[in-house]
N, C-alpha and C. Protein backbone atom coordinates (compact mmCIF):
# COMPACT_ATOMS: atom_id res chain seq x y z
N PHE A 1 134.67 81.47 102.84
CA PHE A 1 133.90 82.38 102.00
C PHE A 1 133.34 81.61 100.81
N ASP A 2 132.09 81.78 100.56
CA ASP A 2 131.41 81.08 99.47
C ASP A 2 131.28 82.02 98.28
N GLY A 3 132.08 81.82 97.25
CA GLY A 3 132.06 82.68 96.08
C GLY A 3 130.80 82.57 95.25
N SER A 4 129.99 81.53 95.50
CA SER A 4 128.76 81.36 94.71
C SER A 4 127.77 82.49 94.96
N ILE A 5 127.75 83.03 96.17
CA ILE A 5 126.86 84.15 96.48
C ILE A 5 127.29 85.39 95.69
N VAL A 6 128.59 85.63 95.63
CA VAL A 6 129.10 86.76 94.85
C VAL A 6 128.76 86.59 93.38
N ARG A 7 128.94 85.38 92.84
CA ARG A 7 128.61 85.14 91.43
C ARG A 7 127.12 85.34 91.18
N LEU A 8 126.28 84.88 92.09
CA LEU A 8 124.83 85.06 91.95
C LEU A 8 124.48 86.54 91.94
N ASN A 9 125.05 87.32 92.85
CA ASN A 9 124.78 88.75 92.89
C ASN A 9 125.28 89.46 91.65
N LEU A 10 126.46 89.08 91.15
CA LEU A 10 126.98 89.68 89.92
C LEU A 10 126.09 89.35 88.73
N HIS A 11 125.57 88.12 88.70
CA HIS A 11 124.66 87.71 87.63
C HIS A 11 123.37 88.54 87.68
N LYS A 12 122.83 88.72 88.89
CA LYS A 12 121.61 89.53 89.06
C LYS A 12 121.86 90.97 88.64
N GLU A 13 123.02 91.52 89.03
CA GLU A 13 123.35 92.90 88.66
C GLU A 13 123.48 93.05 87.15
N GLN A 14 124.09 92.08 86.47
CA GLN A 14 124.24 92.15 85.02
C GLN A 14 122.90 92.06 84.33
N ALA A 15 122.04 91.15 84.79
CA ALA A 15 120.71 91.02 84.20
C ALA A 15 119.92 92.31 84.40
N MET A 16 120.03 92.90 85.57
CA MET A 16 119.32 94.15 85.85
C MET A 16 119.88 95.27 84.99
N SER A 17 121.20 95.31 84.82
CA SER A 17 121.83 96.33 83.99
C SER A 17 121.37 96.21 82.55
N ASP A 18 121.29 94.98 82.02
CA ASP A 18 120.82 94.75 80.66
C ASP A 18 119.37 95.22 80.51
N LYS A 19 118.56 94.93 81.52
CA LYS A 19 117.15 95.30 81.48
C LYS A 19 116.97 96.82 81.51
N THR A 20 117.69 97.50 82.41
CA THR A 20 117.53 98.95 82.52
C THR A 20 118.10 99.67 81.30
N ALA A 21 119.11 99.08 80.66
CA ALA A 21 119.68 99.70 79.47
C ALA A 21 118.66 99.76 78.34
N ALA A 22 117.74 98.80 78.31
CA ALA A 22 116.72 98.75 77.27
C ALA A 22 115.51 99.64 77.59
N MET A 23 115.47 100.19 78.79
CA MET A 23 114.33 101.02 79.20
C MET A 23 114.54 102.47 78.77
N THR A 24 113.43 103.14 78.52
CA THR A 24 113.51 104.57 78.24
C THR A 24 113.80 105.31 79.54
N LEU A 25 114.18 106.56 79.44
CA LEU A 25 114.45 107.37 80.62
C LEU A 25 113.20 107.48 81.49
N ASP A 26 112.04 107.68 80.87
CA ASP A 26 110.79 107.76 81.64
C ASP A 26 110.52 106.45 82.38
N GLN A 27 110.77 105.30 81.74
CA GLN A 27 110.56 104.00 82.39
C GLN A 27 111.52 103.82 83.56
N ARG A 28 112.75 104.26 83.36
CA ARG A 28 113.74 104.14 84.44
C ARG A 28 113.37 105.03 85.62
N ILE A 29 112.91 106.22 85.36
CA ILE A 29 112.48 107.12 86.43
C ILE A 29 111.28 106.52 87.16
N ARG A 30 110.33 106.01 86.42
CA ARG A 30 109.15 105.39 87.03
C ARG A 30 109.54 104.22 87.92
N ARG A 31 110.47 103.41 87.45
CA ARG A 31 110.95 102.27 88.23
C ARG A 31 111.59 102.75 89.54
N LEU A 32 112.43 103.76 89.47
CA LEU A 32 113.07 104.30 90.68
C LEU A 32 112.03 104.91 91.63
N GLU A 33 111.04 105.58 91.09
CA GLU A 33 109.97 106.14 91.92
C GLU A 33 109.18 105.03 92.60
N ASP A 34 108.93 103.94 91.88
CA ASP A 34 108.22 102.79 92.46
C ASP A 34 109.04 102.15 93.58
N ILE A 35 110.32 101.98 93.36
CA ILE A 35 111.19 101.40 94.39
C ILE A 35 111.19 102.29 95.63
N GLU A 36 111.28 103.59 95.44
CA GLU A 36 111.26 104.50 96.59
C GLU A 36 109.91 104.45 97.31
N ALA A 37 108.81 104.36 96.58
CA ALA A 37 107.49 104.27 97.21
C ALA A 37 107.37 102.99 98.02
N ILE A 38 107.92 101.90 97.52
CA ILE A 38 107.89 100.63 98.25
C ILE A 38 108.76 100.72 99.51
N ARG A 39 109.89 101.36 99.41
CA ARG A 39 110.73 101.54 100.61
C ARG A 39 110.02 102.41 101.65
N ARG A 40 109.28 103.41 101.21
CA ARG A 40 108.49 104.22 102.15
C ARG A 40 107.39 103.38 102.78
N LEU A 41 106.79 102.46 102.01
CA LEU A 41 105.79 101.55 102.55
C LEU A 41 106.40 100.72 103.68
N ARG A 42 107.55 100.12 103.43
CA ARG A 42 108.22 99.30 104.45
C ARG A 42 108.53 100.16 105.68
N ASN A 43 109.05 101.36 105.47
CA ASN A 43 109.35 102.26 106.59
C ASN A 43 108.09 102.66 107.34
N SER A 44 106.99 102.84 106.64
CA SER A 44 105.72 103.19 107.29
C SER A 44 105.27 102.10 108.24
N TYR A 45 105.44 100.86 107.84
CA TYR A 45 105.09 99.74 108.70
C TYR A 45 105.85 99.82 110.03
N HIS A 46 107.16 100.02 109.95
CA HIS A 46 107.97 100.07 111.16
C HIS A 46 107.68 101.33 111.98
N PHE A 47 107.37 102.42 111.31
CA PHE A 47 106.97 103.64 112.03
C PHE A 47 105.72 103.36 112.86
N CYS A 48 104.74 102.70 112.26
CA CYS A 48 103.50 102.38 112.99
C CYS A 48 103.79 101.54 114.22
N LEU A 49 104.63 100.53 114.09
CA LEU A 49 104.95 99.68 115.23
C LEU A 49 105.76 100.44 116.28
N ASN A 50 106.78 101.16 115.84
CA ASN A 50 107.66 101.86 116.78
C ASN A 50 106.95 102.98 117.53
N GLU A 51 105.93 103.57 116.92
CA GLU A 51 105.21 104.68 117.54
C GLU A 51 103.86 104.25 118.13
N SER A 52 103.66 102.95 118.25
CA SER A 52 102.42 102.38 118.81
C SER A 52 101.18 102.85 118.07
N ARG A 53 101.26 102.96 116.78
CA ARG A 53 100.13 103.32 115.93
C ARG A 53 99.62 102.07 115.22
N PHE A 54 99.29 101.07 116.00
CA PHE A 54 98.92 99.76 115.47
C PHE A 54 97.66 99.81 114.61
N GLY A 55 96.76 100.72 114.90
CA GLY A 55 95.53 100.85 114.12
C GLY A 55 95.76 101.37 112.71
N GLN A 56 96.94 101.94 112.44
CA GLN A 56 97.25 102.46 111.11
C GLN A 56 97.88 101.41 110.19
N VAL A 57 98.23 100.25 110.74
CA VAL A 57 98.88 99.19 109.95
C VAL A 57 97.96 98.69 108.84
N ARG A 58 96.68 98.59 109.12
CA ARG A 58 95.70 98.07 108.16
C ARG A 58 95.83 98.71 106.78
N ALA A 59 96.01 100.01 106.73
CA ALA A 59 96.05 100.75 105.46
C ALA A 59 97.23 100.36 104.57
N LEU A 60 98.18 99.64 105.10
CA LEU A 60 99.39 99.28 104.36
C LEU A 60 99.26 97.98 103.58
N PHE A 61 98.13 97.26 103.77
CA PHE A 61 97.96 95.93 103.20
C PHE A 61 96.77 95.86 102.26
N THR A 62 96.84 94.92 101.30
CA THR A 62 95.70 94.64 100.44
C THR A 62 94.66 93.86 101.25
N ASP A 63 93.44 93.82 100.75
CA ASP A 63 92.36 93.11 101.47
C ASP A 63 92.65 91.63 101.65
N ASP A 64 93.38 91.02 100.71
CA ASP A 64 93.65 89.58 100.77
C ASP A 64 95.08 89.26 101.23
N ALA A 65 95.72 90.21 101.88
CA ALA A 65 97.12 90.05 102.28
C ALA A 65 97.30 88.94 103.31
N VAL A 66 98.54 88.44 103.36
CA VAL A 66 98.95 87.44 104.35
C VAL A 66 100.17 87.99 105.09
N VAL A 67 100.15 87.87 106.41
CA VAL A 67 101.28 88.26 107.24
C VAL A 67 101.68 87.07 108.09
N GLU A 68 102.96 86.70 108.01
CA GLU A 68 103.52 85.67 108.88
C GLU A 68 104.68 86.29 109.64
N LEU A 69 104.57 86.33 110.93
CA LEU A 69 105.62 86.89 111.78
C LEU A 69 106.37 85.74 112.45
N GLY A 70 107.01 84.95 111.60
CA GLY A 70 107.71 83.76 112.08
C GLY A 70 106.76 82.86 112.83
N TYR A 71 107.20 82.33 113.96
CA TYR A 71 106.37 81.46 114.79
C TYR A 71 105.50 82.25 115.75
N LEU A 72 105.51 83.58 115.66
CA LEU A 72 104.74 84.40 116.61
C LEU A 72 103.29 84.59 116.19
N ALA A 73 103.03 84.73 114.89
CA ALA A 73 101.66 84.99 114.46
C ALA A 73 101.52 84.79 112.96
N ARG A 74 100.31 84.49 112.53
CA ARG A 74 99.95 84.42 111.11
C ARG A 74 98.56 85.02 110.96
N TYR A 75 98.42 85.98 110.05
CA TYR A 75 97.15 86.64 109.78
C TYR A 75 96.85 86.54 108.29
N GLU A 76 95.64 86.12 107.96
CA GLU A 76 95.20 86.04 106.56
C GLU A 76 94.01 86.95 106.38
N GLY A 77 94.13 87.91 105.46
CA GLY A 77 93.05 88.85 105.19
C GLY A 77 93.16 90.09 106.05
N ILE A 78 92.60 91.17 105.53
CA ILE A 78 92.76 92.48 106.16
C ILE A 78 92.14 92.55 107.55
N GLU A 79 91.02 91.87 107.76
CA GLU A 79 90.37 91.92 109.08
C GLU A 79 91.25 91.24 110.14
N ALA A 80 91.83 90.10 109.79
CA ALA A 80 92.71 89.40 110.73
C ALA A 80 93.98 90.22 110.99
N ILE A 81 94.51 90.84 109.94
CA ILE A 81 95.69 91.69 110.10
C ILE A 81 95.38 92.85 111.04
N ASP A 82 94.26 93.49 110.81
CA ASP A 82 93.85 94.63 111.64
C ASP A 82 93.70 94.19 113.10
N ARG A 83 92.98 93.10 113.35
CA ARG A 83 92.78 92.61 114.72
C ARG A 83 94.11 92.25 115.38
N GLY A 84 94.97 91.59 114.62
CA GLY A 84 96.25 91.14 115.17
C GLY A 84 97.13 92.29 115.62
N PHE A 85 97.21 93.31 114.78
CA PHE A 85 98.07 94.44 115.14
C PHE A 85 97.44 95.32 116.20
N ARG A 86 96.13 95.52 116.15
CA ARG A 86 95.46 96.29 117.21
C ARG A 86 95.61 95.61 118.56
N ALA A 87 95.66 94.28 118.57
CA ALA A 87 95.82 93.55 119.82
C ALA A 87 97.16 93.84 120.48
N MET A 88 98.16 94.21 119.69
CA MET A 88 99.46 94.57 120.27
C MET A 88 99.32 95.75 121.22
N ALA A 89 98.46 96.68 120.89
CA ALA A 89 98.26 97.86 121.73
C ALA A 89 97.64 97.50 123.07
N GLU A 90 96.98 96.36 123.13
CA GLU A 90 96.29 95.95 124.36
C GLU A 90 97.14 95.04 125.24
N ARG A 91 98.31 94.66 124.78
CA ARG A 91 99.18 93.78 125.57
C ARG A 91 99.69 94.54 126.80
N GLU A 92 99.67 93.86 127.90
CA GLU A 92 100.16 94.44 129.14
C GLU A 92 101.68 94.47 129.16
N ARG A 93 102.24 95.62 129.52
CA ARG A 93 103.68 95.80 129.68
C ARG A 93 104.45 95.31 128.45
N PHE A 94 104.02 95.76 127.28
CA PHE A 94 104.61 95.36 126.00
C PHE A 94 105.34 96.54 125.39
N PHE A 95 106.52 96.30 124.87
CA PHE A 95 107.37 97.32 124.26
C PHE A 95 107.94 96.74 122.98
N ILE A 96 107.94 97.53 121.89
CA ILE A 96 108.48 97.06 120.61
C ILE A 96 109.16 98.21 119.88
N LYS A 97 110.34 97.95 119.37
CA LYS A 97 111.06 98.87 118.48
C LYS A 97 111.75 98.00 117.43
N GLN A 98 111.51 98.32 116.16
CA GLN A 98 112.10 97.55 115.07
C GLN A 98 112.96 98.46 114.20
N PHE A 99 114.09 97.92 113.75
CA PHE A 99 115.01 98.67 112.91
C PHE A 99 115.31 97.84 111.67
N ILE A 100 115.01 98.40 110.53
CA ILE A 100 115.09 97.68 109.27
C ILE A 100 116.33 98.15 108.50
N HIS A 101 116.94 97.26 107.77
CA HIS A 101 118.07 97.65 106.93
C HIS A 101 118.22 96.67 105.77
N GLY A 102 119.02 97.08 104.79
CA GLY A 102 119.29 96.22 103.65
C GLY A 102 118.06 95.91 102.82
N HIS A 103 117.17 96.89 102.63
CA HIS A 103 115.92 96.65 101.91
C HIS A 103 116.19 96.63 100.41
N ASP A 104 116.16 95.46 99.83
CA ASP A 104 116.39 95.25 98.40
C ASP A 104 115.03 95.05 97.73
N VAL A 105 114.75 95.83 96.69
CA VAL A 105 113.43 95.82 96.04
C VAL A 105 113.59 95.55 94.55
N GLU A 106 112.71 94.70 94.03
CA GLU A 106 112.59 94.46 92.59
C GLU A 106 111.17 94.83 92.18
N VAL A 107 111.03 95.51 91.05
CA VAL A 107 109.71 95.95 90.57
C VAL A 107 109.52 95.49 89.14
N GLU A 108 108.33 95.01 88.86
CA GLU A 108 107.93 94.64 87.50
C GLU A 108 106.50 95.09 87.30
N GLY A 109 106.32 96.23 86.65
CA GLY A 109 104.97 96.75 86.43
C GLY A 109 104.31 97.14 87.74
N ASP A 110 103.15 96.54 88.02
CA ASP A 110 102.38 96.86 89.22
C ASP A 110 102.60 95.87 90.36
N SER A 111 103.69 95.11 90.29
CA SER A 111 104.01 94.19 91.39
C SER A 111 105.50 94.26 91.67
N GLY A 112 105.85 93.80 92.86
CA GLY A 112 107.24 93.83 93.24
C GLY A 112 107.50 92.87 94.38
N THR A 113 108.78 92.66 94.64
CA THR A 113 109.21 91.82 95.75
C THR A 113 110.30 92.56 96.51
N GLY A 114 110.47 92.19 97.75
CA GLY A 114 111.51 92.82 98.54
C GLY A 114 112.00 91.92 99.65
N THR A 115 113.23 92.15 100.04
CA THR A 115 113.84 91.46 101.16
C THR A 115 114.51 92.52 102.03
N SER A 116 114.31 92.42 103.32
CA SER A 116 114.96 93.34 104.25
C SER A 116 115.31 92.59 105.53
N TYR A 117 116.25 93.16 106.26
CA TYR A 117 116.71 92.53 107.49
C TYR A 117 116.26 93.34 108.69
N LEU A 118 115.98 92.62 109.77
CA LEU A 118 115.37 93.19 110.95
C LEU A 118 116.26 93.00 112.16
N GLU A 119 116.42 94.07 112.90
CA GLU A 119 116.93 94.02 114.26
C GLU A 119 115.85 94.66 115.11
N ALA A 120 115.51 94.04 116.22
CA ALA A 120 114.40 94.56 117.02
C ALA A 120 114.68 94.36 118.50
N ARG A 121 113.97 95.18 119.27
CA ARG A 121 113.98 95.08 120.72
C ARG A 121 112.54 94.95 121.17
N TYR A 122 112.26 93.92 121.93
CA TYR A 122 110.94 93.70 122.49
C TYR A 122 111.06 93.67 124.00
N GLY A 123 110.01 94.04 124.65
CA GLY A 123 109.97 93.93 126.09
C GLY A 123 108.60 93.45 126.51
N ARG A 124 108.57 92.56 127.47
CA ARG A 124 107.30 92.06 127.98
C ARG A 124 107.50 91.68 129.44
N PHE A 125 106.69 92.27 130.29
CA PHE A 125 106.75 92.00 131.74
C PHE A 125 108.16 92.18 132.30
N GLY A 126 108.85 93.21 131.82
CA GLY A 126 110.17 93.53 132.36
C GLY A 126 111.33 92.74 131.78
N VAL A 127 111.07 91.82 130.85
CA VAL A 127 112.14 91.06 130.21
C VAL A 127 112.40 91.68 128.83
N SER A 128 113.67 92.02 128.58
CA SER A 128 114.06 92.60 127.30
C SER A 128 114.58 91.52 126.38
N TYR A 129 114.11 91.53 125.13
CA TYR A 129 114.51 90.55 124.13
C TYR A 129 115.21 91.26 122.98
N VAL A 130 116.20 90.60 122.43
CA VAL A 130 116.82 91.03 121.19
C VAL A 130 116.38 90.05 120.12
N VAL A 131 115.99 90.60 118.97
CA VAL A 131 115.41 89.79 117.90
C VAL A 131 116.09 90.16 116.58
N ALA A 132 116.31 89.18 115.75
CA ALA A 132 116.81 89.43 114.40
C ALA A 132 116.10 88.50 113.43
N GLY A 133 115.95 88.98 112.20
CA GLY A 133 115.30 88.16 111.19
C GLY A 133 115.33 88.81 109.82
N ARG A 134 114.55 88.23 108.93
CA ARG A 134 114.46 88.72 107.55
C ARG A 134 112.99 88.75 107.15
N TYR A 135 112.61 89.82 106.45
CA TYR A 135 111.29 89.93 105.85
C TYR A 135 111.39 89.66 104.35
N ASP A 136 110.51 88.81 103.85
CA ASP A 136 110.35 88.59 102.41
C ASP A 136 108.95 89.06 102.07
N ASP A 137 108.86 90.06 101.19
CA ASP A 137 107.59 90.72 100.89
C ASP A 137 107.20 90.57 99.43
N VAL A 138 105.89 90.65 99.21
CA VAL A 138 105.33 90.82 97.87
C VAL A 138 104.48 92.08 97.94
N TYR A 139 104.67 92.97 96.96
CA TYR A 139 103.95 94.24 96.91
C TYR A 139 103.09 94.29 95.66
N ILE A 140 102.04 95.06 95.73
CA ILE A 140 101.18 95.27 94.57
C ILE A 140 100.72 96.73 94.58
N ARG A 141 100.63 97.30 93.38
CA ARG A 141 100.08 98.65 93.27
C ARG A 141 98.57 98.51 93.15
N ALA A 142 97.85 99.03 94.13
CA ALA A 142 96.39 98.95 94.16
C ALA A 142 95.83 100.37 94.20
N GLY A 143 95.07 100.73 93.18
CA GLY A 143 94.52 102.08 93.13
C GLY A 143 95.60 103.14 93.10
N GLY A 144 96.73 102.84 92.47
CA GLY A 144 97.82 103.80 92.37
C GLY A 144 98.72 103.87 93.60
N VAL A 145 98.47 103.01 94.60
CA VAL A 145 99.23 103.04 95.84
C VAL A 145 99.86 101.67 96.08
N TRP A 146 101.13 101.65 96.45
CA TRP A 146 101.81 100.40 96.76
C TRP A 146 101.37 99.89 98.12
N LYS A 147 101.07 98.57 98.19
CA LYS A 147 100.66 97.93 99.43
C LYS A 147 101.33 96.57 99.53
N PHE A 148 101.35 96.05 100.75
CA PHE A 148 101.84 94.69 100.97
C PHE A 148 100.78 93.69 100.53
N ARG A 149 101.17 92.73 99.73
CA ARG A 149 100.32 91.58 99.39
C ARG A 149 100.63 90.43 100.33
N SER A 150 101.92 90.32 100.66
CA SER A 150 102.33 89.37 101.70
C SER A 150 103.60 89.89 102.37
N MET A 151 103.71 89.54 103.64
CA MET A 151 104.87 89.89 104.45
C MET A 151 105.20 88.65 105.27
N ILE A 152 106.32 88.02 104.94
CA ILE A 152 106.71 86.78 105.60
C ILE A 152 108.02 87.03 106.33
N ALA A 153 108.01 86.86 107.64
CA ALA A 153 109.21 87.06 108.44
C ALA A 153 109.80 85.72 108.85
N GLU A 154 111.10 85.59 108.69
CA GLU A 154 111.84 84.46 109.24
C GLU A 154 112.63 85.00 110.41
N LEU A 155 112.42 84.44 111.59
CA LEU A 155 113.12 84.91 112.78
C LEU A 155 114.40 84.11 112.98
N PHE A 156 115.53 84.81 113.03
CA PHE A 156 116.81 84.14 113.24
C PHE A 156 117.00 83.81 114.72
N TYR A 157 116.63 84.76 115.58
CA TYR A 157 116.67 84.50 117.01
C TYR A 157 115.77 85.48 117.75
N THR A 158 115.27 85.04 118.90
CA THR A 158 114.46 85.85 119.81
C THR A 158 114.91 85.46 121.22
N VAL A 159 115.87 86.21 121.76
CA VAL A 159 116.47 85.81 123.03
C VAL A 159 116.48 86.96 124.03
N PRO A 160 116.40 86.64 125.31
CA PRO A 160 116.53 87.68 126.33
C PRO A 160 117.92 88.32 126.27
N ASN A 161 118.00 89.62 126.52
CA ASN A 161 119.29 90.31 126.50
C ASN A 161 120.32 89.64 127.39
N GLY A 162 119.90 89.20 128.58
CA GLY A 162 120.83 88.60 129.53
C GLY A 162 121.41 87.28 129.06
N VAL A 163 120.75 86.61 128.13
CA VAL A 163 121.21 85.33 127.62
C VAL A 163 122.15 85.52 126.43
N GLY A 164 121.80 86.46 125.57
CA GLY A 164 122.59 86.68 124.35
C GLY A 164 122.14 85.78 123.23
N TRP A 165 122.59 86.09 122.04
CA TRP A 165 122.08 85.39 120.85
C TRP A 165 122.96 84.24 120.39
N THR A 166 123.92 83.83 121.17
CA THR A 166 124.75 82.70 120.76
C THR A 166 124.58 81.49 121.69
N GLY A 167 123.51 81.48 122.45
CA GLY A 167 123.26 80.37 123.37
C GLY A 167 122.70 79.14 122.68
N ASP A 168 122.33 78.18 123.51
CA ASP A 168 121.78 76.92 122.98
C ASP A 168 120.37 77.09 122.44
N ASP A 169 119.58 77.92 123.07
CA ASP A 169 118.20 78.15 122.62
C ASP A 169 118.14 79.51 121.93
N MET A 170 117.86 79.51 120.65
CA MET A 170 117.84 80.75 119.86
C MET A 170 116.45 81.36 119.76
N HIS A 171 115.42 80.69 120.29
CA HIS A 171 114.05 81.13 120.06
C HIS A 171 113.21 81.06 121.35
N TYR A 172 113.50 81.96 122.26
CA TYR A 172 112.78 81.98 123.54
C TYR A 172 111.33 82.39 123.38
N LEU A 173 110.99 83.10 122.33
CA LEU A 173 109.61 83.54 122.15
C LEU A 173 108.75 82.53 121.39
N ARG A 174 109.35 81.44 120.95
CA ARG A 174 108.59 80.40 120.25
C ARG A 174 107.60 79.77 121.23
N PRO A 175 106.35 79.66 120.83
CA PRO A 175 105.36 79.01 121.72
C PRO A 175 105.79 77.59 122.06
N LYS A 176 105.63 77.22 123.30
CA LYS A 176 106.01 75.87 123.76
C LYS A 176 104.84 74.91 123.53
N GLY A 177 105.17 73.67 123.20
CA GLY A 177 104.15 72.63 123.08
C GLY A 177 103.60 72.48 121.79
């Protein structure tokens, strides 16, 4: 067990406690409302993917946003993001369900950051994959609405169900070559 992680988290909690103690009640409420709006944004993204509403993903990002889905894809700008996600709907025999947890959000004015963990199930041509990773996000309030400025995914593993996630190859979906 590495106690340095616990000390780091305790330090972050103390700094946050000191900061919120200096805030007015209205500022604290606004901060909590912003955090909840950002969590709804993250959930909306996964709702769109899980319900095959790929065309609705565009509305969740700023015009200059960047999306990196590990080694699977990188999109820069809203047009590329829109094309990339709409293309998912056109994939033959493609299935996706993502489950997010541990969404930690920090807010400072009209910008914020977040980290969340991903468990997912993908299917393609009859092969089922189990996937895990982490999303690191930057959010911005644009026109009074929270949007993704960047969404960077680190994939821990992408393996077929029959192989399991403790094998020698942890990234079966990584492009070869």
